[in-house]
PDB file of N, CA and C in Angstrom:
ATOM      1  N   MET A   1       0.921  -1.210  -0.122  1.00  0.00           N
ATOM      2  CA  MET A   1       0.041   0.019   0.062  1.00  0.00           C
ATOM      3  C   MET A   1       0.887   1.273   0.000  1.00  0.00           C
ATOM      4  N   ASP A   2       0.552   2.208  -0.874  1.00  0.00           N
ATOM      5  CA  ASP A   2       1.287   3.431  -0.859  1.00  0.00           C
ATOM      6  C   ASP A   2       1.051   4.344   0.455  1.00  0.00           C
ATOM      7  N   GLN A   3       2.151   4.987   0.620  1.00  0.00           N
ATOM      8  CA  GLN A   3       2.013   6.024   1.831  1.00  0.00           C
ATOM      9  C   GLN A   3       1.010   7.125   1.682  1.00  0.00           C
ATOM     10  N   ALA A   4       0.145   7.252   2.532  1.00  0.00           N
ATOM     11  CA  ALA A   4      -0.934   8.359   2.456  1.00  0.00           C
ATOM     12  C   ALA A   4      -0.245   9.593   2.202  1.00  0.00           C
ATOM     13  N   PRO A   5      -0.923  10.551   1.437  1.00  0.00           N
ATOM     14  CA  PRO A   5      -0.386  11.822   1.079  1.00  0.00           C
ATOM     15  C   PRO A   5      -0.191  12.754   2.227  1.00  0.00           C
ATOM     16  N   ASN A   6      -1.069  12.531   3.285  1.00  0.00           N
ATOM     17  CA  ASN A   6      -0.958  13.477   4.485  1.00  0.00           C
ATOM     18  C   ASN A   6      -1.493  12.461   5.655  1.00  0.00           C
ATOM     19  N   ARG A   7      -1.583  13.058   6.873  1.00  0.00           N
ATOM     20  CA  ARG A   7      -2.064  12.263   8.079  1.00  0.00           C
ATOM     21  C   ARG A   7      -3.313  12.796   8.359  1.00  0.00           C
ATOM     22  N   ILE A   8      -4.154  13.476   7.680  1.00  0.00           N
ATOM     23  CA  ILE A   8      -5.383  13.980   8.121  1.00  0.00           C
ATOM     24  C   ILE A   8      -6.397  12.913   8.685  1.00  0.00           C
ATOM     25  N   ARG A   9      -6.524  11.861   7.948  1.00  0.00           N
ATOM     26  CA  ARG A   9      -7.314  10.678   8.387  1.00  0.00           C
ATOM     27  C   ARG A   9      -6.790  10.120   9.580  1.00  0.00           C
ATOM     28  N   GLU A  10      -5.559   9.889   9.650  1.00  0.00           N
ATOM     29  CA  GLU A  10      -4.996   9.182  10.793  1.00  0.00           C
ATOM     30  C   GLU A  10      -5.239   9.986  12.118  1.00  0.00           C
ATOM     31  N   LEU A  11      -5.030  11.350  12.027  1.00  0.00           N
ATOM     32  CA  LEU A  11      -5.219  12.186  13.058  1.00  0.00           C
ATOM     33  C   LEU A  11      -6.753  12.476  13.408  1.00  0.00           C
ATOM     34  N   ARG A  12      -7.505  12.419  12.324  1.00  0.00           N
ATOM     35  CA  ARG A  12      -9.113  12.653  12.681  1.00  0.00           C
ATOM     36  C   ARG A  12      -9.511  11.480  13.461  1.00  0.00           C
ATOM     37  N   ILE A  13      -9.073  10.278  13.012  1.00  0.00           N
ATOM     38  CA  ILE A  13      -9.556   9.046  13.734  1.00  0.00           C
ATOM     39  C   ILE A  13      -8.842   8.938  15.146  1.00  0.00           C
ATOM     40  N   ALA A  14      -7.548   9.412  15.218  1.00  0.00           N
ATOM     41  CA  ALA A  14      -6.937   9.373  16.556  1.00  0.00           C
ATOM     42  C   ALA A  14      -7.529  10.373  17.597  1.00  0.00           C
ATOM     43  N   ARG A  15      -7.994  11.413  17.042  1.00  0.00           N
ATOM     44  CA  ARG A  15      -8.823  12.426  17.892  1.00  0.00           C
ATOM     45  C   ARG A  15      -9.997  11.823  18.594  1.00  0.00           C
ATOM     46  N   ASP A  16     -10.730  11.033  17.728  1.00  0.00           N
ATOM     47  CA  ASP A  16     -11.929  10.452  18.160  1.00  0.00           C
ATOM     48  C   ASP A  16     -12.467   9.486  17.112  1.00  0.00           C
ATOM     49  N   PRO A  17     -12.444   8.230  17.266  1.00  0.00           N
ATOM     50  CA  PRO A  17     -12.939   7.367  16.180  1.00  0.00           C
ATOM     51  C   PRO A  17     -14.172   7.528  15.592  1.00  0.00           C
ATOM     52  N   LYS A  18     -15.134   8.385  16.383  1.00  0.00           N
ATOM     53  CA  LYS A  18     -16.307   8.747  15.782  1.00  0.00           C
ATOM     54  C   LYS A  18     -16.324  10.045  15.046  1.00  0.00           C
ATOM     55  N   TRP A  19     -15.126  10.646  14.844  1.00  0.00           N
ATOM     56  CA  TRP A  19     -14.993  12.012  14.042  1.00  0.00           C
ATOM     57  C   TRP A  19     -14.997  11.468  12.615  1.00  0.00           C
ATOM     58  N   SER A  20     -16.190  11.749  11.905  1.00  0.00           N
ATOM     59  CA  SER A  20     -16.320  11.577  10.535  1.00  0.00           C
ATOM     60  C   SER A  20     -15.702  12.418   9.783  1.00  0.00           C
ATOM     61  N   GLN A  21     -15.593  12.250   8.493  1.00  0.00           N
ATOM     62  CA  GLN A  21     -15.080  13.411   7.482  1.00  0.00           C
ATOM     63  C   GLN A  21     -16.120  14.533   7.448  1.00  0.00           C
ATOM     64  N   GLN A  22     -17.553  14.064   7.688  1.00  0.00           N
ATOM     65  CA  GLN A  22     -18.551  15.187   7.637  1.00  0.00           C
ATOM     66  C   GLN A  22     -18.269  16.045   8.948  1.00  0.00           C
ATOM     67  N   ARG A  23     -17.985  15.469  10.176  1.00  0.00           N
ATOM     68  CA  ARG A  23     -17.831  16.197  11.324  1.00  0.00           C
ATOM     69  C   ARG A  23     -16.561  17.187  11.080  1.00  0.00           C
ATOM     70  N   LEU A  24     -15.515  16.725  10.629  1.00  0.00           N
ATOM     71  CA  LEU A  24     -14.314  17.583  10.398  1.00  0.00           C
ATOM     72  C   LEU A  24     -14.680  18.715   9.279  1.00  0.00           C
ATOM     73  N   ALA A  25     -15.605  18.256   8.315  1.00  0.00           N
ATOM     74  CA  ALA A  25     -15.847  19.263   7.230  1.00  0.00           C
ATOM     75  C   ALA A  25     -16.758  20.430   7.887  1.00  0.00           C
ATOM     76  N   ASP A  26     -17.637  20.016   8.805  1.00  0.00           N
ATOM     77  CA  ASP A  26     -18.508  20.976   9.479  1.00  0.00           C
ATOM     78  C   ASP A  26     -17.626  21.826  10.306  1.00  0.00           C
ATOM     79  N   ALA A  27     -16.682  21.218  10.971  1.00  0.00           N
ATOM     80  CA  ALA A  27     -15.748  22.053  11.788  1.00  0.00           C
ATOM     81  C   ALA A  27     -15.011  23.024  11.266  1.00  0.00           C
ATOM     82  N   ILE A  28     -14.607  23.019   9.931  1.00  0.00           N
ATOM     83  CA  ILE A  28     -13.776  23.913   9.271  1.00  0.00           C
ATOM     84  C   ILE A  28     -14.717  24.573   8.081  1.00  0.00           C
ATOM     85  N   GLY A  29     -15.879  24.337   7.772  1.00  0.00           N
ATOM     86  CA  GLY A  29     -16.751  24.983   6.904  1.00  0.00           C
ATOM     87  C   GLY A  29     -16.490  24.687   5.542  1.00  0.00           C
ATOM     88  N   VAL A  30     -16.322  23.328   5.361  1.00  0.00           N
ATOM     89  CA  VAL A  30     -16.162  22.849   3.950  1.00  0.00           C
ATOM     90  C   VAL A  30     -17.034  21.677   3.676  1.00  0.00           C
ATOM     91  N   SER A  31     -17.133  21.116   2.521  1.00  0.00           N
ATOM     92  CA  SER A  31     -18.041  19.861   2.294  1.00  0.00           C
ATOM     93  C   SER A  31     -17.162  18.576   2.741  1.00  0.00           C
ATOM     94  N   LYS A  32     -18.026  17.499   2.908  1.00  0.00           N
ATOM     95  CA  LYS A  32     -17.398  16.244   3.192  1.00  0.00           C
ATOM     96  C   LYS A  32     -16.432  15.869   1.918  1.00  0.00           C
ATOM     97  N   VAL A  33     -16.832  16.072   0.695  1.00  0.00           N
ATOM     98  CA  VAL A  33     -16.192  15.682  -0.383  1.00  0.00           C
ATOM     99  C   VAL A  33     -14.721  16.403  -0.497  1.00  0.00           C
ATOM    100  N   THR A  34     -14.742  17.631   0.123  1.00  0.00           N
ATOM    101  CA  THR A  34     -13.415  18.391   0.165  1.00  0.00           C
ATOM    102  C   THR A  34     -12.505  17.697   1.192  1.00  0.00           C
ATOM    103  N   ILE A  35     -12.942  17.328   2.383  1.00  0.00           N
ATOM    104  CA  ILE A  35     -12.181  16.454   3.198  1.00  0.00           C
ATOM    105  C   ILE A  35     -11.756  15.207   2.632  1.00  0.00           C
ATOM    106  N   SER A  36     -12.537  14.518   1.846  1.00  0.00           N
ATOM    107  CA  SER A  36     -12.357  13.193   1.263  1.00  0.00           C
ATOM    108  C   SER A  36     -11.137  13.399   0.297  1.00  0.00           C
ATOM    109  N   GLU A  37     -11.284  14.507  -0.678  1.00  0.00           N
ATOM    110  CA  GLU A  37     -10.289  14.781  -1.689  1.00  0.00           C
ATOM    111  C   GLU A  37      -9.035  15.236  -0.944  1.00  0.00           C
ATOM    112  N   LEU A  38      -9.032  15.993   0.259  1.00  0.00           N
ATOM    113  CA  LEU A  38      -7.772  16.329   0.853  1.00  0.00           C
ATOM    114  C   LEU A  38      -7.110  15.099   1.390  1.00  0.00           C
ATOM    115  N   GLU A  39      -7.769  14.128   2.006  1.00  0.00           N
ATOM    116  CA  GLU A  39      -7.232  12.980   2.677  1.00  0.00           C
ATOM    117  C   GLU A  39      -6.658  12.181   1.685  1.00  0.00           C
ATOM    118  N   SER A  40      -7.247  12.095   0.552  1.00  0.00           N
ATOM    119  CA  SER A  40      -6.615  11.072  -0.552  1.00  0.00           C
ATOM    120  C   SER A  40      -5.573  11.720  -1.541  1.00  0.00           C
ATOM    121  N   GLY A  41      -5.413  12.963  -1.268  1.00  0.00           N
ATOM    122  CA  GLY A  41      -4.325  13.677  -2.031  1.00  0.00           C
ATOM    123  C   GLY A  41      -4.958  14.192  -3.385  1.00  0.00           C
ATOM    124  N   LYS A  42      -6.236  13.963  -3.678  1.00  0.00           N
ATOM    125  CA  LYS A  42      -6.683  14.532  -4.966  1.00  0.00           C
ATOM    126  C   LYS A  42      -6.778  16.016  -4.913  1.00  0.00           C
ATOM    127  N   MET A  43      -6.856  16.561  -3.701  1.00  0.00           N
ATOM    128  CA  MET A  43      -6.948  18.036  -3.764  1.00  0.00           C
ATOM    129  C   MET A  43      -5.696  18.601  -2.898  1.00  0.00           C
ATOM    130  N   GLN A  44      -5.186  19.574  -3.270  1.00  0.00           N
ATOM    131  CA  GLN A  44      -3.866  20.193  -2.574  1.00  0.00           C
ATOM    132  C   GLN A  44      -4.218  20.570  -1.153  1.00  0.00           C
ATOM    133  N   LEU A  45      -3.363  20.248  -0.322  1.00  0.00           N
ATOM    134  CA  LEU A  45      -3.457  20.592   1.060  1.00  0.00           C
ATOM    135  C   LEU A  45      -2.584  21.950   1.226  1.00  0.00           C
ATOM    136  N   THR A  46      -3.312  22.954   1.095  1.00  0.00           N
ATOM    137  CA  THR A  46      -2.784  24.313   1.001  1.00  0.00           C
ATOM    138  C   THR A  46      -2.376  24.773   2.692  1.00  0.00           C
ATOM    139  N   GLN A  47      -1.752  25.778   2.801  1.00  0.00           N
ATOM    140  CA  GLN A  47      -1.524  26.349   4.155  1.00  0.00           C
ATOM    141  C   GLN A  47      -2.850  26.614   4.892  1.00  0.00           C
ATOM    142  N   ASP A  48      -3.789  27.265   4.152  1.00  0.00           N
ATOM    143  CA  ASP A  48      -4.969  27.566   4.720  1.00  0.00           C
ATOM    144  C   ASP A  48      -5.758  26.322   5.295  1.00  0.00           C
ATOM    145  N   TYR A  49      -5.812  25.336   4.461  1.00  0.00           N
ATOM    146  CA  TYR A  49      -6.469  24.057   4.936  1.00  0.00           C
ATOM    147  C   TYR A  49      -5.703  23.464   6.082  1.00  0.00           C
ATOM    148  N   MET A  50      -4.327  23.558   6.048  1.00  0.00           N
ATOM    149  CA  MET A  50      -3.625  23.089   7.072  1.00  0.00           C
ATOM    150  C   MET A  50      -3.888  23.711   8.464  1.00  0.00           C
ATOM    151  N   ARG A  51      -3.897  25.034   8.388  1.00  0.00           N
ATOM    152  CA  ARG A  51      -4.201  25.799   9.619  1.00  0.00           C
ATOM    153  C   ARG A  51      -5.732  25.451  10.115  1.00  0.00           C
ATOM    154  N   ARG A  52      -6.711  25.469   9.328  1.00  0.00           N
ATOM    155  CA  ARG A  52      -8.069  25.199   9.849  1.00  0.00           C
ATOM    156  C   ARG A  52      -8.286  23.717  10.223  1.00  0.00           C
ATOM    157  N   ILE A  53      -7.650  22.722   9.533  1.00  0.00           N
ATOM    158  CA  ILE A  53      -7.835  21.291   9.881  1.00  0.00           C
ATOM    159  C   ILE A  53      -7.067  20.995  11.256  1.00  0.00           C
ATOM    160  N   SER A  54      -5.846  21.653  11.232  1.00  0.00           N
ATOM    161  CA  SER A  54      -4.996  21.288  12.503  1.00  0.00           C
ATOM    162  C   SER A  54      -5.642  21.941  13.795  1.00  0.00           C
ATOM    163  N   ALA A  55      -6.206  23.195  13.593  1.00  0.00           N
ATOM    164  CA  ALA A  55      -6.920  23.837  14.780  1.00  0.00           C
ATOM    165  C   ALA A  55      -8.141  22.832  15.176  1.00  0.00           C
ATOM    166  N   ALA A  56      -8.912  22.421  14.204  1.00  0.00           N
ATOM    167  CA  ALA A  56      -9.982  21.483  14.452  1.00  0.00           C
ATOM    168  C   ALA A  56      -9.589  20.248  15.180  1.00  0.00           C
ATOM    169  N   LEU A  57      -8.503  19.666  14.935  1.00  0.00           N
ATOM    170  CA  LEU A  57      -8.004  18.430  15.269  1.00  0.00           C
ATOM    171  C   LEU A  57      -7.206  18.635  16.542  1.00  0.00           C
ATOM    172  N   GLY A  58      -6.714  19.876  16.852  1.00  0.00           N
ATOM    173  CA  GLY A  58      -6.004  20.026  18.133  1.00  0.00           C
ATOM    174  C   GLY A  58      -4.512  19.601  17.848  1.00  0.00           C
ATOM    175  N   VAL A  59      -3.918  19.754  16.707  1.00  0.00           N
ATOM    176  CA  VAL A  59      -2.620  19.396  16.470  1.00  0.00           C
ATOM    177  C   VAL A  59      -1.850  20.616  15.644  1.00  0.00           C
ATOM    178  N   ALA A  60      -0.461  20.632  15.611  1.00  0.00           N
ATOM    179  CA  ALA A  60       0.142  21.510  15.069  1.00  0.00           C
ATOM    180  C   ALA A  60       0.205  21.171  13.321  1.00  0.00           C
ATOM    181  N   SER A  61       0.178  22.341  12.560  1.00  0.00           N
ATOM    182  CA  SER A  61      -0.106  22.180  11.206  1.00  0.00           C
ATOM    183  C   SER A  61       0.930  21.056  10.565  1.00  0.00           C
ATOM    184  N   PRO A  62       2.325  21.294  10.868  1.00  0.00           N
ATOM    185  CA  PRO A  62       3.146  20.258  10.311  1.00  0.00           C
ATOM    186  C   PRO A  62       2.802  18.884  10.590  1.00  0.00           C
ATOM    187  N   ASP A  63       2.049  18.579  11.620  1.00  0.00           N
ATOM    188  CA  ASP A  63       1.683  17.090  11.991  1.00  0.00           C
ATOM    189  C   ASP A  63       0.805  16.522  10.874  1.00  0.00           C
ATOM    190  N   LEU A  64       0.170  17.293  10.093  1.00  0.00           N
ATOM    191  CA  LEU A  64      -0.548  16.844   9.032  1.00  0.00           C
ATOM    192  C   LEU A  64       0.113  16.192   7.825  1.00  0.00           C
ATOM    193  N   LEU A  65       1.430  16.578   7.779  1.00  0.00           N
ATOM    194  CA  LEU A  65       2.274  16.052   6.716  1.00  0.00           C
ATOM    195  C   LEU A  65       2.725  14.763   7.076  1.00  0.00           C
ATOM    196  N   PRO A  66       3.015  13.893   6.101  1.00  0.00           N
ATOM    197  CA  PRO A  66       3.581  12.460   6.218  1.00  0.00           C
ATOM    198  C   PRO A  66       4.751  12.529   6.896  1.00  0.00           C
ATOM    199  N   GLU A  67       5.143  11.519   7.635  1.00  0.00           N
ATOM    200  CA  GLU A  67       6.339  11.489   8.374  1.00  0.00           C
ATOM    201  C   GLU A  67       7.618  11.713   7.619  1.00  0.00           C
ATOM    202  N   SER A  68       7.571  11.205   6.434  1.00  0.00           N
ATOM    203  CA  SER A  68       8.729  11.366   5.563  1.00  0.00           C
ATOM    204  C   SER A  68       8.968  12.901   5.272  1.00  0.00           C
ATOM    205  N   GLU A  69       8.029  13.718   5.364  1.00  0.00           N
ATOM    206  CA  GLU A  69       8.224  15.168   5.008  1.00  0.00           C
ATOM    207  C   GLU A  69       8.304  15.994   6.298  1.00  0.00           C
ATOM    208  N   ASN A  70       8.113  15.300   7.484  1.00  0.00           N
ATOM    209  CA  ASN A  70       8.264  15.968   8.808  1.00  0.00           C
ATOM    210  C   ASN A  70       9.099  15.153   9.708  1.00  0.00           C
ATOM    211  N   PRO A  71      10.262  14.887   9.451  1.00  0.00           N
ATOM    212  CA  PRO A  71      11.072  14.057  10.265  1.00  0.00           C
ATOM    213  C   PRO A  71      11.291  14.601  11.633  1.00  0.00           C
ATOM    214  N   LEU A  72      11.154  15.789  12.045  1.00  0.00           N
ATOM    215  CA  LEU A  72      11.439  16.313  13.307  1.00  0.00           C
ATOM    216  C   LEU A  72      10.155  16.472  13.998  1.00  0.00           C
ATOM    217  N   ALA A  73       9.006  15.831  13.607  1.00  0.00           N
ATOM    218  CA  ALA A  73       7.787  15.873  14.353  1.00  0.00           C
ATOM    219  C   ALA A  73       7.882  15.357  15.617  1.00  0.00           C
ATOM    220  N   LEU A  74       7.223  16.025  16.545  1.00  0.00           N
ATOM    221  CA  LEU A  74       7.153  15.420  18.011  1.00  0.00           C
ATOM    222  C   LEU A  74       6.182  14.525  18.326  1.00  0.00           C
ATOM    223  N   SER A  75       6.332  13.495  19.137  1.00  0.00           N
ATOM    224  CA  SER A  75       5.314  12.555  19.519  1.00  0.00           C
ATOM    225  C   SER A  75       4.473  13.192  20.626  1.00  0.00           C
ATOM    226  N   ALA A  76       3.390  12.726  20.981  1.00  0.00           N
ATOM    227  CA  ALA A  76       2.481  13.130  21.914  1.00  0.00           C
ATOM    228  C   ALA A  76       3.267  13.232  23.337  1.00  0.00           C
ATOM    229  N   GLU A  77       4.124  12.178  23.597  1.00  0.00           N
ATOM    230  CA  GLU A  77       4.882  12.185  24.788  1.00  0.00           C
ATOM    231  C   GLU A  77       5.903  13.437  24.838  1.00  0.00           C
ATOM    232  N   GLU A  78       6.455  13.712  23.720  1.00  0.00           N
ATOM    233  CA  GLU A  78       7.463  14.630  23.541  1.00  0.00           C
ATOM    234  C   GLU A  78       6.734  16.115  23.673  1.00  0.00           C
ATOM    235  N   ARG A  79       5.631  16.251  23.245  1.00  0.00           N
ATOM    236  CA  ARG A  79       4.767  17.490  23.360  1.00  0.00           C
ATOM    237  C   ARG A  79       4.461  17.512  24.891  1.00  0.00           C
ATOM    238  N   GLN A  80       4.060  16.431  25.565  1.00  0.00           N
ATOM    239  CA  GLN A  80       3.689  16.551  26.998  1.00  0.00           C
ATOM    240  C   GLN A  80       4.996  17.024  27.802  1.00  0.00           C
ATOM    241  N   LEU A  81       6.120  16.416  27.508  1.00  0.00           N
ATOM    242  CA  LEU A  81       7.424  16.926  28.273  1.00  0.00           C
ATOM    243  C   LEU A  81       7.615  18.350  28.011  1.00  0.00           C
ATOM    244  N   ILE A  82       7.448  18.715  26.934  1.00  0.00           N
ATOM    245  CA  ILE A  82       7.748  20.271  26.515  1.00  0.00           C
ATOM    246  C   ILE A  82       6.658  21.247  27.352  1.00  0.00           C
ATOM    247  N   GLU A  83       5.466  20.790  27.413  1.00  0.00           N
ATOM    248  CA  GLU A  83       4.402  21.463  28.228  1.00  0.00           C
ATOM    249  C   GLU A  83       4.745  21.548  29.651  1.00  0.00           C
ATOM    250  N   GLN A  84       5.297  20.364  30.167  1.00  0.00           N
ATOM    251  CA  GLN A  84       5.661  20.306  31.497  1.00  0.00           C
ATOM    252  C   GLN A  84       6.938  21.286  31.887  1.00  0.00           C
ATOM    253  N   LEU A  85       7.878  21.362  30.813  1.00  0.00           N
ATOM    254  CA  LEU A  85       8.971  22.118  30.987  1.00  0.00           C
ATOM    255  C   LEU A  85       8.517  23.560  31.046  1.00  0.00           C
ATOM    256  N   ARG A  86       7.631  23.978  30.125  1.00  0.00           N
ATOM    257  CA  ARG A  86       7.098  25.342  29.916  1.00  0.00           C
ATOM    258  C   ARG A  86       6.363  25.865  31.244  1.00  0.00           C
ATOM    259  N   ALA A  87       5.773  24.825  31.845  1.00  0.00           N
ATOM    260  CA  ALA A  87       4.948  25.125  33.114  1.00  0.00           C
ATOM    261  C   ALA A  87       5.825  25.327  34.309  1.00  0.00           C
ATOM    262  N   ALA A  88       7.163  24.815  34.123  1.00  0.00           N
ATOM    263  CA  ALA A  88       8.006  24.692  35.439  1.00  0.00           C
ATOM    264  C   ALA A  88       8.575  26.221  35.680  1.00  0.00           C
ATOM    265  N   THR A  89       8.946  26.286  37.072  1.00  0.00           N
ATOM    266  CA  THR A  89       9.548  27.341  37.299  1.00  0.00           C
ATOM    267  C   THR A  89      10.980  27.468  36.823  1.00  0.00           C
ATOM    268  N   GLU A  90      11.785  28.606  36.945  1.00  0.00           N
ATOM    269  CA  GLU A  90      13.157  28.556  36.627  1.00  0.00           C
ATOM    270  C   GLU A  90      13.990  27.563  37.293  1.00  0.00           C
ATOM    271  N   ASP A  91      13.896  27.387  38.551  1.00  0.00           N
ATOM    272  CA  ASP A  91      14.568  26.476  39.396  1.00  0.00           C
ATOM    273  C   ASP A  91      14.193  25.156  39.000  1.00  0.00           C
ATOM    274  N   GLN A  92      12.976  24.793  38.650  1.00  0.00           N
ATOM    275  CA  GLN A  92      12.531  23.532  38.318  1.00  0.00           C
ATOM    276  C   GLN A  92      13.163  23.119  36.935  1.00  0.00           C
ATOM    277  N   ARG A  93      13.062  24.155  36.093  1.00  0.00           N
ATOM    278  CA  ARG A  93      13.818  23.986  34.837  1.00  0.00           C
ATOM    279  C   ARG A  93      15.274  23.477  34.849  1.00  0.00           C
ATOM    280  N   LEU A  94      15.870  24.264  35.731  1.00  0.00           N
ATOM    281  CA  LEU A  94      17.414  23.895  35.951  1.00  0.00           C
ATOM    282  C   LEU A  94      17.491  22.564  36.408  1.00  0.00           C
ATOM    283  N   GLN A  95      16.659  22.162  37.340  1.00  0.00           N
ATOM    284  CA  GLN A  95      16.740  20.625  37.866  1.00  0.00           C
ATOM    285  C   GLN A  95      16.473  19.754  36.804  1.00  0.00           C
ATOM    286  N   LEU A  96      15.400  19.925  35.930  1.00  0.00           N
ATOM    287  CA  LEU A  96      15.034  19.138  34.986  1.00  0.00           C
ATOM    288  C   LEU A  96      16.232  18.947  33.935  1.00  0.00           C
ATOM    289  N   ARG A  97      16.898  20.062  33.508  1.00  0.00           N
ATOM    290  CA  ARG A  97      18.123  19.980  32.614  1.00  0.00           C
ATOM    291  C   ARG A  97      19.138  19.108  33.232  1.00  0.00           C
ATOM    292  N   LYS A  98      19.323  19.376  34.534  1.00  0.00           N
ATOM    293  CA  LYS A  98      20.339  18.501  35.204  1.00  0.00           C
ATOM    294  C   LYS A  98      20.084  17.098  35.076  1.00  0.00           C
ATOM    295  N   VAL A  99      18.809  16.739  35.451  1.00  0.00           N
ATOM    296  CA  VAL A  99      18.456  15.244  35.420  1.00  0.00           C
ATOM    297  C   VAL A  99      18.548  14.713  33.941  1.00  0.00           C
ATOM    298  N   ALA A 100      18.018  15.477  33.040  1.00  0.00           N
ATOM    299  CA  ALA A 100      18.158  15.107  31.602  1.00  0.00           C
ATOM    300  C   ALA A 100      19.621  14.940  31.095  1.00  0.00           C
ATOM    301  N   ASP A 101      20.461  15.813  31.647  1.00  0.00           N
ATOM    302  CA  ASP A 101      21.839  15.628  31.163  1.00  0.00           C
ATOM    303  C   ASP A 101      22.477  14.274  31.695  1.00  0.00           C
ATOM    304  N   VAL A 102      22.012  13.852  32.914  1.00  0.00           N
ATOM    305  CA  VAL A 102      22.478  12.722  33.550  1.00  0.00           C
ATOM    306  C   VAL A 102      21.850  11.472  32.839  1.00  0.00           C
ATOM    307  N   ILE A 103      20.610  11.484  32.684  1.00  0.00           N
ATOM    308  CA  ILE A 103      19.842  10.250  32.258  1.00  0.00           C
ATOM    309  C   ILE A 103      20.234  10.263  30.626  1.00  0.00           C
ATOM    310  N   ALA A 104      20.038  11.256  29.827  1.00  0.00           N
ATOM    311  CA  ALA A 104      20.156  11.105  28.451  1.00  0.00           C
ATOM    312  C   ALA A 104      20.945  12.399  27.928  1.00  0.00           C
ATOM    313  N   PRO A 105      22.281  12.171  28.206  1.00  0.00           N
ATOM    314  CA  PRO A 105      23.080  13.279  27.841  1.00  0.00           C
ATOM    315  C   PRO A 105      23.181  13.485  26.178  1.00  0.00           C
ATOM    316  N   MET A 106      23.096  14.733  25.824  1.00  0.00           N
ATOM    317  CA  MET A 106      23.187  15.108  24.336  1.00  0.00           C
ATOM    318  C   MET A 106      24.612  15.311  24.079  1.00  0.00           C
ATOM    319  N   HIS A 107      24.956  14.979  22.857  1.00  0.00           N
ATOM    320  CA  HIS A 107      26.273  15.180  22.367  1.00  0.00           C
ATOM    321  C   HIS A 107      26.358  16.644  21.688  1.00  0.00           C
ATOM    322  N   ARG A 108      26.518  17.534  22.644  1.00  0.00           N
ATOM    323  CA  ARG A 108      26.609  18.934  22.379  1.00  0.00           C
ATOM    324  C   ARG A 108      27.672  19.615  23.302  1.00  0.00           C
ATOM    325  N   ALA A 109      27.889  20.809  23.057  1.00  0.00           N
ATOM    326  CA  ALA A 109      28.883  21.584  23.833  1.00  0.00           C
ATOM    327  C   ALA A 109      28.219  21.784  25.184  1.00  0.00           C
ATOM    328  N   LYS A 110      29.011  21.738  26.260  1.00  0.00           N
ATOM    329  CA  LYS A 110      28.305  21.875  27.581  1.00  0.00           C
ATOM    330  C   LYS A 110      27.828  23.317  27.560  1.00  0.00           C
ATOM    331  N   VAL A 111      26.552  23.323  28.327  1.00  0.00           N
ATOM    332  CA  VAL A 111      25.785  24.568  28.323  1.00  0.00           C
ATOM    333  C   VAL A 111      26.331  25.341  29.642  1.00  0.00           C
ATOM    334  N   ASP A 112      26.337  26.649  29.472  1.00  0.00           N
ATOM    335  CA  ASP A 112      26.970  27.387  30.659  1.00  0.00           C
ATOM    336  C   ASP A 112      25.665  27.512  31.529  1.00  0.00           C
ATOM    337  N   GLU A 113      25.770  26.720  32.695  1.00  0.00           N
ATOM    338  CA  GLU A 113      24.484  26.792  33.562  1.00  0.00           C
ATOM    339  C   GLU A 113      24.144  28.188  34.177  1.00  0.00           C
ATOM    340  N   SER A 114      25.047  29.059  34.128  1.00  0.00           N
ATOM    341  CA  SER A 114      24.862  30.369  34.585  1.00  0.00           C
ATOM    342  C   SER A 114      23.687  31.137  33.818  1.00  0.00           C
ATOM    343  N   ASN A 115      23.620  30.741  32.553  1.00  0.00           N
ATOM    344  CA  ASN A 115      22.503  31.315  31.719  1.00  0.00           C
ATOM    345  C   ASN A 115      21.178  30.673  31.896  1.00  0.00           C
ATOM    346  N   LEU A 116      21.106  29.436  32.693  1.00  0.00           N
ATOM    347  CA  LEU A 116      19.929  28.881  32.926  1.00  0.00           C
ATOM    348  C   LEU A 116      19.047  29.425  34.076  1.00  0.00           C
ATOM    349  N   ARG A 117      19.642  30.127  34.899  1.00  0.00           N
ATOM    350  CA  ARG A 117      19.044  30.809  36.067  1.00  0.00           C
ATOM    351  C   ARG A 117      18.772  32.389  35.715  1.00  0.00           C
ATOM    352  N   PRO A 118      17.719  32.847  36.204  1.00  0.00           N
ATOM    353  CA  PRO A 118      17.653  34.353  36.069  1.00  0.00           C
ATOM    354  C   PRO A 118      18.639  34.963  36.882  1.00  0.00           C
ATOM    355  N   ARG A 119      19.169  36.067  36.489  1.00  0.00           N
ATOM    356  CA  ARG A 119      20.195  36.728  37.131  1.00  0.00           C
ATOM    357  C   ARG A 119      19.478  37.771  38.224  1.00  0.00           C
ATOM    358  N   LYS A 120      20.057  37.735  39.416  1.00  0.00           N
ATOM    359  CA  LYS A 120      19.516  38.556  40.445  1.00  0.00           C
ATOM    360  C   LYS A 120      20.262  39.902  40.312  1.00  0.00           C
ATOM    361  N   ARG A 121      19.275  40.928  40.420  1.00  0.00           N
ATOM    362  CA  ARG A 121      19.770  42.261  40.156  1.00  0.00           C
ATOM    363  C   ARG A 121      20.333  42.721  41.668  1.00  0.00           C
ATOM    364  N   ALA A 122      21.455  43.533  41.520  1.00  0.00           N
ATOM    365  CA  ALA A 122      22.027  44.056  42.887  1.00  0.00           C
ATOM    366  C   ALA A 122      21.368  45.283  43.344  1.00  0.00           C
TER     367      ALA A 122
END
């Protein structure tokens, strides 16, 4: 079987198995035929369609692309970790970075930890 031209169908069903093409069409103000043609690749997936569909499905626009065209896509687990990091205080972020460096060190230049904490003003 050939690779799907995009991930609309996969993400639509992952959101809710009961999310039909008609429901997605209604959510973005197009016909069911339009969704069918976008999913099958018969119709071009424009940036406008990507924005509207991704908003309706609760995903990022690039997530609609096939994995071969979006190799840096984040998994749901990775997105959750990013959200946790964003919600953390600066001290918690520093601790998380330290733990991450011990558990899964990256092959990169050592980060200057003085830049990870907000500087106190005198």
